[in-house]
């Protein structure tokens, strides 16, 4: 913080996926501010923010992430996955419903405050409550905000302290499959 006085780290009580995003809305008022959201159960490359800012500069008006995925219809997915090569294929999924791109928050997402105007999390009873990646990407799509992903984890690594337990550092269980939420 001393080296970069304009950098502010927000911490708060974990109320589930999306807690940090929703907290940022209440705290950050300047609509031009870029916000970086990451998870508590990964270690990140020291240049993550710089890399995402450079990517954002090359894709004006887009929310950007290090990683994400695109769901293709079952009919199209096999061909796309087979021809894409391993680097891109890991970002493609075969589902009944085409969806995406969905930006993955857990490996780092960079978004401008103005892109989050009107963002609310789903109801606690929703199948999507555990999937902040999906409800944030749905919000961006609804507001016609482009989503772009590098398709590269940029050196992020899961922390070994939680790997065997299946929980994050905040002790929340890892998410269940998101298929029910996308449909």
N, C-alpha and C. Protein backbone atom coordinates (compact mmCIF):
# COMPACT_ATOMS: atom_id res chain seq x y z
N UNK A 1 0.83 -1.19 0.00
CA UNK A 1 0.00 0.00 0.00
C UNK A 1 0.87 1.25 0.00
N UNK A 2 2.01 1.21 0.65
CA UNK A 2 2.87 2.39 0.67
C UNK A 2 3.42 2.71 -0.71
N UNK A 3 3.74 1.65 -1.49
CA UNK A 3 4.26 1.88 -2.83
C UNK A 3 3.18 2.37 -3.78
N UNK A 4 1.94 2.01 -3.54
CA UNK A 4 0.83 2.39 -4.41
C UNK A 4 -0.32 2.92 -3.56
N UNK A 5 -0.29 4.20 -3.20
CA UNK A 5 -1.32 4.74 -2.31
C UNK A 5 -2.72 4.69 -2.92
N UNK A 6 -2.83 4.58 -4.25
CA UNK A 6 -4.14 4.51 -4.89
C UNK A 6 -4.75 3.10 -4.82
N UNK A 7 -3.98 2.13 -4.33
CA UNK A 7 -4.45 0.75 -4.20
C UNK A 7 -5.10 0.55 -2.84
N UNK A 8 -6.32 0.03 -2.84
CA UNK A 8 -7.03 -0.24 -1.60
C UNK A 8 -7.46 -1.70 -1.59
N UNK A 9 -7.15 -2.40 -0.51
CA UNK A 9 -7.55 -3.79 -0.35
C UNK A 9 -8.74 -3.82 0.59
N UNK A 10 -9.84 -4.41 0.14
CA UNK A 10 -11.04 -4.52 0.97
C UNK A 10 -11.16 -5.94 1.50
N UNK A 11 -11.39 -6.05 2.76
CA UNK A 11 -11.64 -7.35 3.37
C UNK A 11 -12.93 -7.23 4.18
N UNK A 12 -13.64 -8.32 4.24
CA UNK A 12 -14.89 -8.30 4.98
C UNK A 12 -15.32 -9.71 5.30
N UNK A 13 -16.41 -9.82 6.03
CA UNK A 13 -16.94 -11.12 6.39
C UNK A 13 -17.40 -11.85 5.13
N UNK A 14 -17.10 -13.14 5.03
CA UNK A 14 -17.48 -13.95 3.88
C UNK A 14 -18.94 -14.37 4.01
N UNK A 15 -19.77 -13.84 3.11
CA UNK A 15 -21.18 -14.21 3.10
C UNK A 15 -21.50 -15.10 1.90
N UNK A 16 -20.46 -15.66 1.29
CA UNK A 16 -20.66 -16.54 0.15
C UNK A 16 -20.09 -15.95 -1.12
N UNK A 17 -20.23 -16.68 -2.23
CA UNK A 17 -19.71 -16.21 -3.51
C UNK A 17 -20.28 -14.84 -3.87
N UNK A 18 -19.42 -13.99 -4.35
CA UNK A 18 -19.84 -12.64 -4.74
C UNK A 18 -19.76 -11.62 -3.64
N UNK A 19 -19.40 -12.04 -2.43
CA UNK A 19 -19.33 -11.11 -1.30
C UNK A 19 -18.45 -9.91 -1.63
N UNK A 20 -17.26 -10.16 -2.17
CA UNK A 20 -16.33 -9.07 -2.48
C UNK A 20 -16.88 -8.13 -3.54
N UNK A 21 -17.49 -8.70 -4.58
CA UNK A 21 -18.07 -7.87 -5.64
C UNK A 21 -19.16 -6.96 -5.10
N UNK A 22 -20.05 -7.52 -4.32
CA UNK A 22 -21.16 -6.73 -3.79
C UNK A 22 -20.67 -5.70 -2.77
N UNK A 23 -19.63 -6.05 -2.00
CA UNK A 23 -19.07 -5.09 -1.04
C UNK A 23 -18.42 -3.91 -1.78
N UNK A 24 -17.74 -4.23 -2.89
CA UNK A 24 -17.10 -3.16 -3.66
C UNK A 24 -18.12 -2.15 -4.15
N UNK A 25 -19.31 -2.59 -4.49
CA UNK A 25 -20.34 -1.68 -4.96
C UNK A 25 -20.70 -0.64 -3.91
N UNK A 26 -20.71 -1.07 -2.65
CA UNK A 26 -21.06 -0.14 -1.57
C UNK A 26 -19.93 0.82 -1.24
N UNK A 27 -18.69 0.39 -1.44
CA UNK A 27 -17.54 1.18 -1.02
C UNK A 27 -17.00 2.08 -2.13
N UNK A 28 -16.88 1.56 -3.33
CA UNK A 28 -16.27 2.31 -4.44
C UNK A 28 -17.37 3.05 -5.19
N UNK A 29 -17.27 4.36 -5.23
CA UNK A 29 -18.30 5.18 -5.88
C UNK A 29 -17.86 5.72 -7.24
N UNK A 30 -16.55 5.89 -7.44
CA UNK A 30 -16.06 6.42 -8.71
C UNK A 30 -16.29 5.40 -9.81
N UNK A 31 -17.14 5.72 -10.77
CA UNK A 31 -17.56 4.78 -11.82
C UNK A 31 -16.42 4.41 -12.76
N UNK A 32 -15.33 5.17 -12.80
CA UNK A 32 -14.21 4.89 -13.69
C UNK A 32 -13.15 3.98 -13.05
N UNK A 33 -13.30 3.69 -11.78
CA UNK A 33 -12.33 2.86 -11.05
C UNK A 33 -12.34 1.43 -11.57
N UNK A 34 -11.14 0.89 -11.77
CA UNK A 34 -11.01 -0.52 -12.13
C UNK A 34 -10.93 -1.33 -10.85
N UNK A 35 -11.66 -2.44 -10.80
CA UNK A 35 -11.72 -3.30 -9.62
C UNK A 35 -11.20 -4.68 -9.97
N UNK A 36 -10.30 -5.20 -9.16
CA UNK A 36 -9.78 -6.55 -9.34
C UNK A 36 -10.37 -7.43 -8.25
N UNK A 37 -11.01 -8.50 -8.65
CA UNK A 37 -11.58 -9.45 -7.69
C UNK A 37 -10.88 -10.79 -7.86
N UNK A 38 -10.47 -11.38 -6.74
CA UNK A 38 -9.81 -12.69 -6.72
C UNK A 38 -10.38 -13.48 -5.54
N UNK A 39 -10.07 -14.76 -5.47
CA UNK A 39 -10.55 -15.61 -4.38
C UNK A 39 -9.49 -15.76 -3.29
N UNK A 40 -9.93 -16.27 -2.16
CA UNK A 40 -9.03 -16.42 -1.01
C UNK A 40 -8.29 -17.75 -0.99
N UNK A 41 -8.56 -18.63 -1.93
CA UNK A 41 -7.93 -19.95 -1.88
C UNK A 41 -6.93 -20.18 -3.01
N UNK A 42 -6.42 -19.10 -3.58
CA UNK A 42 -5.40 -19.18 -4.62
C UNK A 42 -4.28 -18.17 -4.35
N UNK A 43 -3.09 -18.50 -4.83
CA UNK A 43 -1.98 -17.56 -4.83
C UNK A 43 -1.88 -17.05 -6.26
N UNK A 44 -1.63 -15.76 -6.43
CA UNK A 44 -1.64 -15.13 -7.75
C UNK A 44 -0.28 -14.59 -8.13
N UNK A 45 -0.04 -14.54 -9.42
CA UNK A 45 1.20 -13.99 -9.95
C UNK A 45 1.28 -12.51 -9.56
N UNK A 46 2.45 -12.01 -9.19
CA UNK A 46 2.57 -10.61 -8.77
C UNK A 46 2.18 -9.61 -9.87
N UNK A 47 2.20 -10.03 -11.12
CA UNK A 47 1.85 -9.12 -12.22
C UNK A 47 0.43 -9.34 -12.74
N UNK A 48 -0.42 -10.04 -11.96
CA UNK A 48 -1.79 -10.30 -12.41
C UNK A 48 -2.52 -9.00 -12.77
N UNK A 49 -2.50 -8.03 -11.89
CA UNK A 49 -3.20 -6.77 -12.14
C UNK A 49 -2.66 -6.08 -13.37
N UNK A 50 -1.34 -5.99 -13.49
CA UNK A 50 -0.72 -5.36 -14.65
C UNK A 50 -1.12 -6.07 -15.95
N UNK A 51 -1.09 -7.40 -15.94
CA UNK A 51 -1.46 -8.18 -17.13
C UNK A 51 -2.91 -7.95 -17.52
N UNK A 52 -3.81 -7.95 -16.54
CA UNK A 52 -5.21 -7.73 -16.84
C UNK A 52 -5.48 -6.30 -17.30
N UNK A 53 -4.77 -5.32 -16.72
CA UNK A 53 -4.93 -3.93 -17.18
C UNK A 53 -4.47 -3.77 -18.64
N UNK A 54 -3.38 -4.42 -19.00
CA UNK A 54 -2.91 -4.38 -20.39
C UNK A 54 -3.94 -5.02 -21.32
N UNK A 55 -4.50 -6.14 -20.91
CA UNK A 55 -5.52 -6.82 -21.71
C UNK A 55 -6.76 -5.93 -21.85
N UNK A 56 -7.16 -5.29 -20.76
CA UNK A 56 -8.33 -4.40 -20.80
C UNK A 56 -8.08 -3.22 -21.73
N UNK A 57 -6.86 -2.71 -21.75
CA UNK A 57 -6.53 -1.59 -22.64
C UNK A 57 -6.68 -1.99 -24.11
N UNK A 58 -6.44 -3.26 -24.41
CA UNK A 58 -6.57 -3.76 -25.78
C UNK A 58 -7.98 -4.18 -26.14
N UNK A 59 -8.88 -4.23 -25.16
CA UNK A 59 -10.28 -4.61 -25.40
C UNK A 59 -11.18 -3.59 -24.72
N UNK A 60 -11.18 -2.34 -25.21
CA UNK A 60 -11.92 -1.26 -24.54
C UNK A 60 -13.39 -1.60 -24.33
N UNK A 61 -13.89 -1.21 -23.17
CA UNK A 61 -15.29 -1.42 -22.84
C UNK A 61 -15.61 -2.82 -22.38
N UNK A 62 -14.60 -3.65 -22.16
CA UNK A 62 -14.82 -5.04 -21.77
C UNK A 62 -14.44 -5.28 -20.31
N UNK A 63 -15.18 -6.18 -19.68
CA UNK A 63 -14.75 -6.76 -18.41
C UNK A 63 -13.82 -7.90 -18.81
N UNK A 64 -12.71 -8.06 -18.12
CA UNK A 64 -11.73 -9.07 -18.54
C UNK A 64 -11.37 -10.00 -17.38
N UNK A 65 -10.98 -11.21 -17.75
CA UNK A 65 -10.54 -12.17 -16.74
C UNK A 65 -9.40 -13.00 -17.29
N UNK A 66 -8.68 -13.61 -16.36
CA UNK A 66 -7.58 -14.49 -16.77
C UNK A 66 -8.12 -15.78 -17.37
N UNK A 67 -9.30 -16.19 -16.92
CA UNK A 67 -9.84 -17.47 -17.35
C UNK A 67 -11.35 -17.38 -17.42
N UNK A 68 -11.95 -18.23 -18.19
CA UNK A 68 -13.40 -18.28 -18.31
C UNK A 68 -13.79 -19.47 -19.15
N UNK A 69 -15.05 -19.54 -19.51
CA UNK A 69 -15.52 -20.66 -20.32
C UNK A 69 -16.70 -20.25 -21.17
N UNK A 70 -16.91 -21.04 -22.20
CA UNK A 70 -17.99 -20.85 -23.14
C UNK A 70 -18.70 -22.18 -23.29
N UNK A 71 -20.01 -22.19 -23.06
CA UNK A 71 -20.79 -23.42 -23.22
C UNK A 71 -21.36 -23.45 -24.64
N UNK A 72 -21.11 -24.54 -25.32
CA UNK A 72 -21.61 -24.72 -26.68
C UNK A 72 -22.70 -25.79 -26.67
N UNK A 73 -23.59 -25.71 -27.63
CA UNK A 73 -24.60 -26.75 -27.73
C UNK A 73 -23.90 -28.08 -27.96
N UNK A 74 -24.51 -29.13 -27.50
CA UNK A 74 -23.92 -30.47 -27.63
C UNK A 74 -23.57 -30.75 -29.09
N UNK A 75 -24.41 -30.28 -29.99
CA UNK A 75 -24.21 -30.49 -31.42
C UNK A 75 -22.90 -29.86 -31.91
N UNK A 76 -22.57 -28.68 -31.42
CA UNK A 76 -21.38 -27.96 -31.89
C UNK A 76 -20.12 -28.23 -31.07
N UNK A 77 -20.29 -28.64 -29.84
CA UNK A 77 -19.17 -28.72 -28.91
C UNK A 77 -18.11 -29.73 -29.30
N UNK A 78 -18.50 -30.93 -29.71
CA UNK A 78 -17.51 -31.96 -30.01
C UNK A 78 -16.53 -31.49 -31.08
N UNK A 79 -17.04 -30.96 -32.18
CA UNK A 79 -16.17 -30.47 -33.25
C UNK A 79 -15.27 -29.34 -32.73
N UNK A 80 -15.85 -28.38 -32.02
CA UNK A 80 -15.08 -27.24 -31.52
C UNK A 80 -13.98 -27.69 -30.56
N UNK A 81 -14.31 -28.57 -29.65
CA UNK A 81 -13.33 -29.04 -28.66
C UNK A 81 -12.23 -29.85 -29.33
N UNK A 82 -12.60 -30.69 -30.30
CA UNK A 82 -11.62 -31.52 -31.01
C UNK A 82 -10.66 -30.69 -31.86
N UNK A 83 -11.12 -29.59 -32.42
CA UNK A 83 -10.28 -28.79 -33.33
C UNK A 83 -9.61 -27.61 -32.65
N UNK A 84 -10.02 -27.27 -31.44
CA UNK A 84 -9.51 -26.07 -30.78
C UNK A 84 -8.08 -26.21 -30.27
N UNK A 85 -7.65 -27.40 -29.97
CA UNK A 85 -6.34 -27.57 -29.34
C UNK A 85 -6.50 -27.47 -27.84
N UNK A 86 -5.55 -28.02 -27.07
CA UNK A 86 -5.70 -28.11 -25.61
C UNK A 86 -5.80 -26.75 -24.91
N UNK A 87 -5.12 -25.74 -25.39
CA UNK A 87 -5.15 -24.44 -24.72
C UNK A 87 -6.52 -23.81 -24.72
N UNK A 88 -7.21 -23.88 -25.84
CA UNK A 88 -8.55 -23.30 -25.95
C UNK A 88 -9.63 -24.28 -25.53
N UNK A 89 -9.42 -25.56 -25.78
CA UNK A 89 -10.44 -26.57 -25.47
C UNK A 89 -10.81 -26.58 -23.98
N UNK A 90 -9.86 -26.24 -23.11
CA UNK A 90 -10.19 -26.25 -21.68
C UNK A 90 -11.20 -25.17 -21.31
N UNK A 91 -11.45 -24.25 -22.23
CA UNK A 91 -12.42 -23.18 -22.00
C UNK A 91 -13.77 -23.43 -22.67
N UNK A 92 -13.93 -24.60 -23.26
CA UNK A 92 -15.17 -24.94 -23.95
C UNK A 92 -15.89 -26.05 -23.22
N UNK A 93 -17.21 -25.95 -23.14
CA UNK A 93 -18.01 -26.97 -22.48
C UNK A 93 -19.18 -27.36 -23.36
N UNK A 94 -19.59 -28.58 -23.25
CA UNK A 94 -20.73 -29.09 -23.99
C UNK A 94 -21.94 -29.15 -23.08
N UNK A 95 -22.98 -28.39 -23.42
CA UNK A 95 -24.21 -28.39 -22.64
C UNK A 95 -25.41 -28.33 -23.57
N UNK A 96 -26.57 -28.54 -22.99
CA UNK A 96 -27.80 -28.45 -23.77
C UNK A 96 -28.07 -27.02 -24.23
N UNK A 97 -27.60 -26.06 -23.45
CA UNK A 97 -27.86 -24.65 -23.72
C UNK A 97 -26.53 -23.94 -23.95
N UNK A 98 -26.43 -23.18 -25.04
CA UNK A 98 -25.22 -22.38 -25.28
C UNK A 98 -25.22 -21.20 -24.31
N UNK A 99 -24.06 -20.87 -23.73
CA UNK A 99 -23.97 -19.78 -22.77
C UNK A 99 -22.55 -19.24 -22.73
N UNK A 100 -22.44 -17.98 -22.39
CA UNK A 100 -21.12 -17.41 -22.17
C UNK A 100 -20.79 -16.32 -23.16
N UNK A 101 -19.59 -15.80 -23.09
CA UNK A 101 -18.53 -16.28 -22.19
C UNK A 101 -18.82 -15.95 -20.73
N UNK A 102 -18.43 -16.87 -19.88
CA UNK A 102 -18.55 -16.71 -18.44
C UNK A 102 -17.15 -16.46 -17.90
N UNK A 103 -16.96 -15.31 -17.27
CA UNK A 103 -15.65 -14.95 -16.72
C UNK A 103 -15.47 -15.60 -15.36
N UNK A 104 -14.36 -16.27 -15.16
CA UNK A 104 -14.09 -16.97 -13.89
C UNK A 104 -13.42 -16.04 -12.90
N UNK A 105 -14.16 -15.74 -11.87
CA UNK A 105 -13.72 -14.84 -10.80
C UNK A 105 -12.54 -15.41 -10.03
N UNK A 106 -12.49 -16.72 -9.84
CA UNK A 106 -11.49 -17.31 -8.95
C UNK A 106 -10.06 -17.16 -9.45
N UNK A 107 -9.85 -16.90 -10.73
CA UNK A 107 -8.50 -16.68 -11.24
C UNK A 107 -8.21 -15.22 -11.52
N UNK A 108 -9.14 -14.35 -11.19
CA UNK A 108 -8.95 -12.92 -11.33
C UNK A 108 -9.82 -12.32 -12.40
N UNK A 109 -10.64 -11.36 -12.00
CA UNK A 109 -11.48 -10.62 -12.94
C UNK A 109 -11.26 -9.14 -12.70
N UNK A 110 -11.13 -8.39 -13.79
CA UNK A 110 -10.93 -6.95 -13.72
C UNK A 110 -12.14 -6.29 -14.39
N UNK A 111 -12.78 -5.43 -13.64
CA UNK A 111 -14.03 -4.84 -14.10
C UNK A 111 -14.11 -3.39 -13.66
N UNK A 112 -14.66 -2.54 -14.51
CA UNK A 112 -14.83 -1.15 -14.14
C UNK A 112 -16.08 -1.00 -13.29
N UNK A 113 -16.04 -0.13 -12.31
CA UNK A 113 -17.17 0.06 -11.38
C UNK A 113 -18.46 0.34 -12.14
N UNK A 114 -18.40 1.12 -13.20
CA UNK A 114 -19.61 1.47 -13.95
C UNK A 114 -20.29 0.24 -14.56
N UNK A 115 -19.53 -0.81 -14.82
CA UNK A 115 -20.09 -2.03 -15.41
C UNK A 115 -20.94 -2.81 -14.41
N UNK A 116 -20.83 -2.46 -13.14
CA UNK A 116 -21.55 -3.19 -12.10
C UNK A 116 -22.78 -2.44 -11.61
N UNK A 117 -23.12 -1.32 -12.25
CA UNK A 117 -24.32 -0.58 -11.85
C UNK A 117 -25.53 -1.49 -11.91
N UNK A 118 -26.28 -1.54 -10.83
CA UNK A 118 -27.49 -2.35 -10.78
C UNK A 118 -27.25 -3.81 -10.45
N UNK A 119 -26.01 -4.21 -10.20
CA UNK A 119 -25.71 -5.61 -9.89
C UNK A 119 -26.28 -6.00 -8.53
N UNK A 120 -27.00 -7.10 -8.51
CA UNK A 120 -27.47 -7.69 -7.26
C UNK A 120 -27.21 -9.18 -7.34
N UNK A 121 -26.96 -9.79 -6.23
CA UNK A 121 -26.78 -11.23 -6.21
C UNK A 121 -28.13 -11.92 -6.32
N UNK A 122 -28.13 -13.18 -6.68
CA UNK A 122 -29.40 -13.92 -6.76
C UNK A 122 -29.98 -14.16 -5.37
N UNK A 123 -31.24 -14.50 -5.33
CA UNK A 123 -31.89 -14.83 -4.06
C UNK A 123 -31.17 -16.02 -3.43
N UNK A 124 -31.11 -16.06 -2.12
CA UNK A 124 -30.40 -17.15 -1.41
C UNK A 124 -30.97 -18.52 -1.79
N UNK A 125 -32.22 -18.58 -2.21
CA UNK A 125 -32.84 -19.86 -2.56
C UNK A 125 -32.55 -20.27 -4.01
N UNK A 126 -31.91 -19.39 -4.79
CA UNK A 126 -31.64 -19.66 -6.20
C UNK A 126 -30.56 -20.73 -6.37
N UNK A 127 -30.66 -21.50 -7.45
CA UNK A 127 -29.62 -22.47 -7.78
C UNK A 127 -28.32 -21.76 -8.15
N UNK A 128 -28.39 -20.49 -8.47
CA UNK A 128 -27.22 -19.72 -8.92
C UNK A 128 -26.47 -19.05 -7.78
N UNK A 129 -26.96 -19.11 -6.56
CA UNK A 129 -26.35 -18.36 -5.47
C UNK A 129 -24.88 -18.69 -5.28
N UNK A 130 -24.47 -19.92 -5.54
CA UNK A 130 -23.08 -20.32 -5.36
C UNK A 130 -22.21 -20.01 -6.58
N UNK A 131 -22.77 -19.43 -7.61
CA UNK A 131 -22.04 -19.26 -8.87
C UNK A 131 -21.92 -17.79 -9.28
N UNK A 132 -21.10 -17.05 -8.54
CA UNK A 132 -20.93 -15.63 -8.85
C UNK A 132 -20.39 -15.41 -10.26
N UNK A 133 -19.63 -16.37 -10.80
CA UNK A 133 -19.13 -16.24 -12.16
C UNK A 133 -20.30 -16.10 -13.13
N UNK A 134 -21.32 -16.92 -12.92
CA UNK A 134 -22.45 -16.95 -13.83
C UNK A 134 -23.35 -15.73 -13.64
N UNK A 135 -23.71 -15.40 -12.40
CA UNK A 135 -24.61 -14.26 -12.26
C UNK A 135 -23.95 -12.93 -12.58
N UNK A 136 -22.64 -12.81 -12.39
CA UNK A 136 -21.97 -11.58 -12.82
C UNK A 136 -21.93 -11.52 -14.35
N UNK A 137 -21.57 -12.61 -15.00
CA UNK A 137 -21.53 -12.62 -16.47
C UNK A 137 -22.90 -12.40 -17.07
N UNK A 138 -23.95 -12.93 -16.43
CA UNK A 138 -25.32 -12.69 -16.90
C UNK A 138 -25.67 -11.21 -16.79
N UNK A 139 -25.26 -10.57 -15.69
CA UNK A 139 -25.49 -9.13 -15.52
C UNK A 139 -24.79 -8.35 -16.64
N UNK A 140 -23.54 -8.69 -16.91
CA UNK A 140 -22.79 -7.99 -17.96
C UNK A 140 -23.46 -8.18 -19.32
N UNK A 141 -23.90 -9.41 -19.62
CA UNK A 141 -24.57 -9.67 -20.90
C UNK A 141 -25.86 -8.88 -21.01
N UNK A 142 -26.63 -8.84 -19.94
CA UNK A 142 -27.90 -8.11 -19.94
C UNK A 142 -27.68 -6.63 -20.24
N UNK A 143 -26.56 -6.10 -19.76
CA UNK A 143 -26.26 -4.67 -19.97
C UNK A 143 -25.35 -4.45 -21.19
N UNK A 144 -25.23 -5.48 -22.01
CA UNK A 144 -24.47 -5.43 -23.27
C UNK A 144 -23.02 -5.00 -23.07
N UNK A 145 -22.42 -5.52 -22.01
CA UNK A 145 -21.00 -5.26 -21.73
C UNK A 145 -20.22 -6.48 -22.18
N UNK A 146 -19.27 -6.23 -23.04
CA UNK A 146 -18.46 -7.32 -23.59
C UNK A 146 -17.65 -8.00 -22.50
N UNK A 147 -17.50 -9.31 -22.63
CA UNK A 147 -16.69 -10.10 -21.71
C UNK A 147 -15.56 -10.72 -22.50
N UNK A 148 -14.33 -10.55 -22.00
CA UNK A 148 -13.15 -11.08 -22.70
C UNK A 148 -12.28 -11.83 -21.70
N UNK A 149 -11.71 -12.95 -22.17
CA UNK A 149 -10.86 -13.74 -21.27
C UNK A 149 -9.56 -14.09 -21.96
N UNK A 150 -8.52 -14.14 -21.18
CA UNK A 150 -7.21 -14.51 -21.70
C UNK A 150 -7.07 -16.01 -21.91
N UNK A 151 -7.88 -16.81 -21.25
CA UNK A 151 -7.79 -18.27 -21.31
C UNK A 151 -6.44 -18.76 -20.81
N UNK A 152 -5.92 -18.08 -19.81
CA UNK A 152 -4.63 -18.43 -19.23
C UNK A 152 -4.67 -18.10 -17.74
N UNK A 153 -4.42 -19.06 -16.87
CA UNK A 153 -4.48 -18.77 -15.43
C UNK A 153 -3.41 -17.79 -14.93
N UNK A 154 -2.48 -17.39 -15.80
CA UNK A 154 -1.47 -16.38 -15.45
C UNK A 154 -0.73 -16.69 -14.17
N UNK A 155 -0.38 -17.94 -13.97
CA UNK A 155 0.44 -18.30 -12.81
C UNK A 155 -0.32 -18.52 -11.52
N UNK A 156 -1.65 -18.45 -11.54
CA UNK A 156 -2.41 -18.69 -10.31
C UNK A 156 -2.29 -20.15 -9.91
N UNK A 157 -2.19 -20.38 -8.61
CA UNK A 157 -2.08 -21.75 -8.11
C UNK A 157 -2.99 -21.89 -6.89
N UNK A 158 -3.69 -23.02 -6.84
CA UNK A 158 -4.52 -23.31 -5.68
C UNK A 158 -3.61 -23.50 -4.47
N UNK A 159 -4.02 -22.96 -3.35
CA UNK A 159 -3.24 -23.13 -2.12
C UNK A 159 -3.39 -24.55 -1.61
N UNK A 160 -2.30 -25.17 -1.25
CA UNK A 160 -2.32 -26.56 -0.78
C UNK A 160 -3.04 -26.70 0.55
N UNK A 161 -3.16 -25.63 1.29
CA UNK A 161 -3.79 -25.69 2.61
C UNK A 161 -5.25 -26.10 2.57
N UNK A 162 -5.90 -25.98 1.42
CA UNK A 162 -7.32 -26.34 1.36
C UNK A 162 -7.60 -27.50 0.41
N UNK A 163 -6.61 -27.97 -0.33
CA UNK A 163 -6.82 -28.95 -1.40
C UNK A 163 -7.47 -30.25 -0.93
N UNK A 164 -7.09 -30.78 0.19
CA UNK A 164 -7.62 -32.07 0.63
C UNK A 164 -8.97 -31.94 1.32
N UNK A 165 -9.26 -30.78 1.85
CA UNK A 165 -10.48 -30.59 2.60
C UNK A 165 -11.66 -30.19 1.72
N UNK A 166 -11.39 -29.68 0.50
CA UNK A 166 -12.47 -29.27 -0.37
C UNK A 166 -13.14 -27.98 0.06
N UNK A 167 -12.42 -27.16 0.82
CA UNK A 167 -12.99 -25.88 1.27
C UNK A 167 -12.00 -24.76 0.99
N UNK A 168 -12.50 -23.55 0.96
CA UNK A 168 -11.63 -22.40 0.79
C UNK A 168 -11.07 -22.00 2.15
N UNK A 169 -10.23 -20.98 2.19
CA UNK A 169 -9.68 -20.52 3.47
C UNK A 169 -10.77 -20.00 4.38
N UNK A 170 -11.87 -19.54 3.78
CA UNK A 170 -12.98 -19.05 4.59
C UNK A 170 -13.85 -20.20 5.10
N UNK A 171 -13.47 -21.41 4.76
CA UNK A 171 -14.13 -22.65 5.18
C UNK A 171 -15.47 -22.89 4.49
N UNK A 172 -15.74 -22.18 3.40
CA UNK A 172 -16.95 -22.45 2.62
C UNK A 172 -16.67 -23.63 1.71
N UNK A 173 -17.64 -24.47 1.51
CA UNK A 173 -17.51 -25.62 0.63
C UNK A 173 -17.30 -25.16 -0.80
N UNK A 174 -16.56 -25.93 -1.55
CA UNK A 174 -16.42 -25.63 -2.97
C UNK A 174 -17.77 -25.75 -3.65
N UNK A 175 -17.91 -25.06 -4.74
CA UNK A 175 -19.19 -24.99 -5.43
C UNK A 175 -19.62 -26.32 -6.03
N UNK A 176 -20.91 -26.48 -6.08
CA UNK A 176 -21.47 -27.63 -6.76
C UNK A 176 -21.55 -27.33 -8.25
N UNK A 177 -21.79 -28.33 -9.10
CA UNK A 177 -21.82 -28.09 -10.55
C UNK A 177 -22.81 -27.00 -10.93
N UNK A 178 -22.43 -26.23 -11.96
CA UNK A 178 -23.24 -25.07 -12.32
C UNK A 178 -24.26 -25.31 -13.42
N UNK A 179 -24.41 -26.54 -13.89
CA UNK A 179 -25.33 -26.80 -15.00
C UNK A 179 -26.74 -26.28 -14.71
N UNK A 180 -27.25 -26.51 -13.50
CA UNK A 180 -28.61 -26.07 -13.18
C UNK A 180 -28.76 -24.55 -13.24
N UNK A 181 -27.70 -23.84 -13.01
CA UNK A 181 -27.75 -22.39 -13.01
C UNK A 181 -27.75 -21.83 -14.44
N UNK A 182 -27.02 -22.44 -15.34
CA UNK A 182 -26.91 -21.93 -16.71
C UNK A 182 -28.23 -22.08 -17.44
N UNK A 183 -28.93 -23.14 -17.17
CA UNK A 183 -30.19 -23.37 -17.89
C UNK A 183 -31.25 -22.51 -17.35
